[in-house]
Amino acid sequence: MGTATDNEFLVDRVETALNSIRPYLEADGGNVKVLEVTSDRVARLELVGACGSCPMSAMTFKAGLEEAILKAVPEILRVEATNLTPAF
């Protein structure tokens, strides 16, 4: 579907979108890594540090990370976190 260059360009744009949220994550001892953008336009993220085990991470993911990426990079069809902790 897309070339590696296309995906690298999308990864850069996803990183830029996440940079607006990173200071809030870092303030709570966490962060987020972009693992990949798949050929079918799925951005795969990993929550790291405190974010990986925080019960609020599902809300942070949906309301913050996913929304920022989908708004800034409309080519992305879906955002997934590989290690989301379910909210209690």
N, C-alpha and C. Protein backbone atom coordinates (compact mmCIF):
# COMPACT_ATOMS: atom_id res chain seq x y z
N MET A 1 0.83 -1.20 0.00
CA MET A 1 0.00 0.00 0.00
C MET A 1 0.87 1.25 0.00
N GLY A 2 1.54 1.55 1.14
CA GLY A 2 2.42 2.72 1.20
C GLY A 2 3.86 2.26 1.19
N THR A 3 4.75 3.18 0.93
CA THR A 3 6.17 2.85 0.96
C THR A 3 6.72 3.14 2.34
N ALA A 4 7.93 2.66 2.60
CA ALA A 4 8.57 2.92 3.88
C ALA A 4 8.72 4.43 4.10
N THR A 5 9.00 5.16 3.04
CA THR A 5 9.15 6.61 3.16
C THR A 5 7.84 7.25 3.59
N ASP A 6 6.74 6.80 3.02
CA ASP A 6 5.42 7.31 3.44
C ASP A 6 5.20 7.06 4.93
N ASN A 7 5.52 5.85 5.38
CA ASN A 7 5.31 5.50 6.78
C ASN A 7 6.22 6.31 7.69
N GLU A 8 7.47 6.52 7.27
CA GLU A 8 8.39 7.33 8.07
C GLU A 8 7.85 8.76 8.20
N PHE A 9 7.31 9.29 7.12
CA PHE A 9 6.73 10.63 7.12
C PHE A 9 5.55 10.67 8.10
N LEU A 10 4.71 9.64 8.08
CA LEU A 10 3.57 9.59 9.00
C LEU A 10 4.03 9.45 10.44
N VAL A 11 5.05 8.62 10.68
CA VAL A 11 5.59 8.46 12.04
C VAL A 11 6.08 9.81 12.56
N ASP A 12 6.79 10.57 11.71
CA ASP A 12 7.27 11.90 12.12
C ASP A 12 6.10 12.81 12.49
N ARG A 13 5.05 12.76 11.72
CA ARG A 13 3.88 13.60 11.99
C ARG A 13 3.16 13.16 13.26
N VAL A 14 3.10 11.86 13.51
CA VAL A 14 2.50 11.34 14.74
C VAL A 14 3.34 11.79 15.94
N GLU A 15 4.67 11.69 15.81
CA GLU A 15 5.57 12.15 16.89
C GLU A 15 5.33 13.63 17.19
N THR A 16 5.19 14.44 16.16
CA THR A 16 4.95 15.87 16.33
C THR A 16 3.63 16.10 17.07
N ALA A 17 2.60 15.37 16.70
CA ALA A 17 1.30 15.49 17.38
C ALA A 17 1.42 15.12 18.85
N LEU A 18 2.20 14.09 19.14
CA LEU A 18 2.35 13.63 20.53
C LEU A 18 3.19 14.60 21.36
N ASN A 19 4.07 15.36 20.71
CA ASN A 19 4.92 16.29 21.45
C ASN A 19 4.10 17.33 22.21
N SER A 20 2.89 17.63 21.73
CA SER A 20 2.05 18.60 22.43
C SER A 20 1.50 18.03 23.74
N ILE A 21 1.49 16.71 23.87
CA ILE A 21 0.92 16.06 25.04
C ILE A 21 2.01 15.54 25.97
N ARG A 22 3.20 15.29 25.43
CA ARG A 22 4.28 14.69 26.23
C ARG A 22 4.58 15.42 27.54
N PRO A 23 4.59 16.76 27.58
CA PRO A 23 4.89 17.42 28.86
C PRO A 23 3.94 17.01 29.98
N TYR A 24 2.68 16.76 29.66
CA TYR A 24 1.71 16.34 30.68
C TYR A 24 2.00 14.92 31.14
N LEU A 25 2.37 14.06 30.20
CA LEU A 25 2.72 12.69 30.56
C LEU A 25 3.98 12.66 31.42
N GLU A 26 4.98 13.44 31.00
CA GLU A 26 6.25 13.48 31.72
C GLU A 26 6.08 14.04 33.13
N ALA A 27 5.16 14.98 33.30
CA ALA A 27 4.90 15.56 34.62
C ALA A 27 4.42 14.49 35.60
N ASP A 28 3.78 13.45 35.07
CA ASP A 28 3.30 12.35 35.91
C ASP A 28 4.23 11.14 35.85
N GLY A 29 5.42 11.31 35.29
CA GLY A 29 6.40 10.23 35.27
C GLY A 29 6.21 9.23 34.14
N GLY A 30 5.51 9.63 33.09
CA GLY A 30 5.27 8.71 31.98
C GLY A 30 5.68 9.29 30.65
N ASN A 31 5.43 8.55 29.60
CA ASN A 31 5.69 9.00 28.24
C ASN A 31 5.02 8.03 27.29
N VAL A 32 5.21 8.27 26.01
CA VAL A 32 4.63 7.40 24.99
C VAL A 32 5.65 7.24 23.87
N LYS A 33 5.75 6.02 23.34
CA LYS A 33 6.63 5.74 22.20
C LYS A 33 5.78 5.35 21.01
N VAL A 34 6.16 5.82 19.83
CA VAL A 34 5.52 5.38 18.60
C VAL A 34 6.27 4.13 18.15
N LEU A 35 5.60 2.99 18.13
CA LEU A 35 6.23 1.75 17.70
C LEU A 35 6.29 1.66 16.19
N GLU A 36 5.17 2.00 15.54
CA GLU A 36 5.12 1.93 14.08
C GLU A 36 3.84 2.54 13.57
N VAL A 37 3.83 2.83 12.29
CA VAL A 37 2.61 3.09 11.55
C VAL A 37 2.54 1.97 10.52
N THR A 38 1.49 1.17 10.60
CA THR A 38 1.39 0.00 9.73
C THR A 38 0.99 0.42 8.31
N SER A 39 1.10 -0.52 7.39
CA SER A 39 0.75 -0.23 6.00
C SER A 39 -0.73 0.07 5.83
N ASP A 40 -1.56 -0.39 6.79
CA ASP A 40 -2.98 -0.05 6.72
C ASP A 40 -3.34 1.16 7.60
N ARG A 41 -2.32 1.99 7.86
CA ARG A 41 -2.50 3.30 8.51
C ARG A 41 -2.96 3.22 9.97
N VAL A 42 -2.44 2.24 10.71
CA VAL A 42 -2.69 2.14 12.15
C VAL A 42 -1.44 2.61 12.88
N ALA A 43 -1.59 3.59 13.76
CA ALA A 43 -0.47 4.04 14.59
C ALA A 43 -0.45 3.18 15.84
N ARG A 44 0.68 2.50 16.08
CA ARG A 44 0.81 1.63 17.25
C ARG A 44 1.73 2.32 18.25
N LEU A 45 1.21 2.52 19.48
CA LEU A 45 1.93 3.24 20.52
C LEU A 45 2.21 2.31 21.70
N GLU A 46 3.21 2.69 22.48
CA GLU A 46 3.47 2.01 23.75
C GLU A 46 3.53 3.08 24.83
N LEU A 47 2.73 2.91 25.86
CA LEU A 47 2.78 3.81 27.01
C LEU A 47 3.92 3.34 27.90
N VAL A 48 4.78 4.27 28.33
CA VAL A 48 5.96 3.90 29.11
C VAL A 48 5.99 4.66 30.43
N GLY A 49 6.85 4.18 31.33
CA GLY A 49 6.96 4.79 32.65
C GLY A 49 5.66 4.61 33.41
N ALA A 50 5.27 5.64 34.16
CA ALA A 50 4.06 5.57 34.97
C ALA A 50 2.81 5.34 34.12
N CYS A 51 2.84 5.78 32.86
CA CYS A 51 1.66 5.63 32.00
C CYS A 51 1.36 4.17 31.69
N GLY A 52 2.36 3.32 31.71
CA GLY A 52 2.16 1.92 31.38
C GLY A 52 1.33 1.18 32.41
N SER A 53 1.31 1.67 33.66
CA SER A 53 0.58 0.96 34.72
C SER A 53 -0.51 1.81 35.37
N CYS A 54 -0.73 2.99 34.86
CA CYS A 54 -1.71 3.89 35.47
C CYS A 54 -3.13 3.47 35.11
N PRO A 55 -4.03 3.36 36.10
CA PRO A 55 -5.41 2.99 35.78
C PRO A 55 -6.13 4.05 34.94
N MET A 56 -5.63 5.27 34.89
CA MET A 56 -6.24 6.32 34.08
C MET A 56 -5.69 6.32 32.65
N SER A 57 -4.78 5.42 32.34
CA SER A 57 -4.13 5.45 31.03
C SER A 57 -5.12 5.25 29.88
N ALA A 58 -6.18 4.49 30.10
CA ALA A 58 -7.17 4.30 29.03
C ALA A 58 -7.83 5.63 28.69
N MET A 59 -8.13 6.43 29.71
CA MET A 59 -8.75 7.73 29.47
C MET A 59 -7.75 8.68 28.81
N THR A 60 -6.52 8.66 29.29
CA THR A 60 -5.47 9.50 28.70
C THR A 60 -5.28 9.15 27.24
N PHE A 61 -5.29 7.86 26.95
CA PHE A 61 -5.10 7.39 25.58
C PHE A 61 -6.23 7.90 24.68
N LYS A 62 -7.48 7.67 25.08
CA LYS A 62 -8.62 8.03 24.23
C LYS A 62 -8.76 9.54 24.08
N ALA A 63 -8.75 10.25 25.20
CA ALA A 63 -9.05 11.69 25.18
C ALA A 63 -7.85 12.53 24.76
N GLY A 64 -6.65 12.01 24.96
CA GLY A 64 -5.47 12.80 24.67
C GLY A 64 -4.71 12.33 23.45
N LEU A 65 -4.10 11.18 23.57
CA LEU A 65 -3.19 10.69 22.52
C LEU A 65 -3.93 10.40 21.22
N GLU A 66 -4.98 9.60 21.29
CA GLU A 66 -5.71 9.23 20.08
C GLU A 66 -6.30 10.46 19.40
N GLU A 67 -6.93 11.33 20.18
CA GLU A 67 -7.56 12.52 19.61
C GLU A 67 -6.52 13.43 18.94
N ALA A 68 -5.38 13.63 19.59
CA ALA A 68 -4.35 14.50 19.03
C ALA A 68 -3.82 13.95 17.71
N ILE A 69 -3.61 12.64 17.66
CA ILE A 69 -3.07 12.02 16.44
C ILE A 69 -4.09 12.10 15.31
N LEU A 70 -5.33 11.72 15.59
CA LEU A 70 -6.33 11.69 14.52
C LEU A 70 -6.62 13.09 13.98
N LYS A 71 -6.52 14.10 14.84
CA LYS A 71 -6.76 15.47 14.40
C LYS A 71 -5.58 15.99 13.58
N ALA A 72 -4.35 15.69 14.00
CA ALA A 72 -3.16 16.23 13.35
C ALA A 72 -2.76 15.44 12.11
N VAL A 73 -3.08 14.15 12.09
CA VAL A 73 -2.65 13.27 10.99
C VAL A 73 -3.88 12.51 10.48
N PRO A 74 -4.70 13.16 9.65
CA PRO A 74 -5.96 12.52 9.22
C PRO A 74 -5.76 11.25 8.40
N GLU A 75 -4.56 11.02 7.88
CA GLU A 75 -4.31 9.78 7.14
C GLU A 75 -4.35 8.55 8.05
N ILE A 76 -4.12 8.76 9.34
CA ILE A 76 -4.15 7.65 10.29
C ILE A 76 -5.61 7.25 10.50
N LEU A 77 -5.89 5.96 10.33
CA LEU A 77 -7.25 5.47 10.45
C LEU A 77 -7.59 5.00 11.86
N ARG A 78 -6.56 4.53 12.59
CA ARG A 78 -6.80 3.99 13.93
C ARG A 78 -5.53 4.15 14.76
N VAL A 79 -5.72 4.29 16.05
CA VAL A 79 -4.59 4.37 16.99
C VAL A 79 -4.75 3.26 18.00
N GLU A 80 -3.68 2.51 18.24
CA GLU A 80 -3.71 1.40 19.20
C GLU A 80 -2.58 1.58 20.19
N ALA A 81 -2.82 1.22 21.44
CA ALA A 81 -1.75 1.15 22.44
C ALA A 81 -1.54 -0.31 22.75
N THR A 82 -0.29 -0.75 22.75
CA THR A 82 -0.01 -2.17 22.91
C THR A 82 -0.12 -2.62 24.37
N ASN A 83 -0.06 -1.70 25.31
CA ASN A 83 -0.01 -2.10 26.72
C ASN A 83 -0.97 -1.29 27.59
N LEU A 84 -2.16 -1.07 27.10
CA LEU A 84 -3.12 -0.26 27.83
C LEU A 84 -3.62 -1.00 29.07
N THR A 85 -3.60 -0.31 30.22
CA THR A 85 -4.12 -0.88 31.46
C THR A 85 -5.61 -0.58 31.54
N PRO A 86 -6.45 -1.60 31.72
CA PRO A 86 -7.89 -1.33 31.81
C PRO A 86 -8.21 -0.45 33.01
N ALA A 87 -9.14 0.45 32.84
CA ALA A 87 -9.59 1.31 33.94
C ALA A 87 -10.45 0.49 34.90
N PHE A 88 -10.38 0.84 36.17
CA PHE A 88 -11.15 0.09 37.19
C PHE A 88 -12.44 0.79 37.50
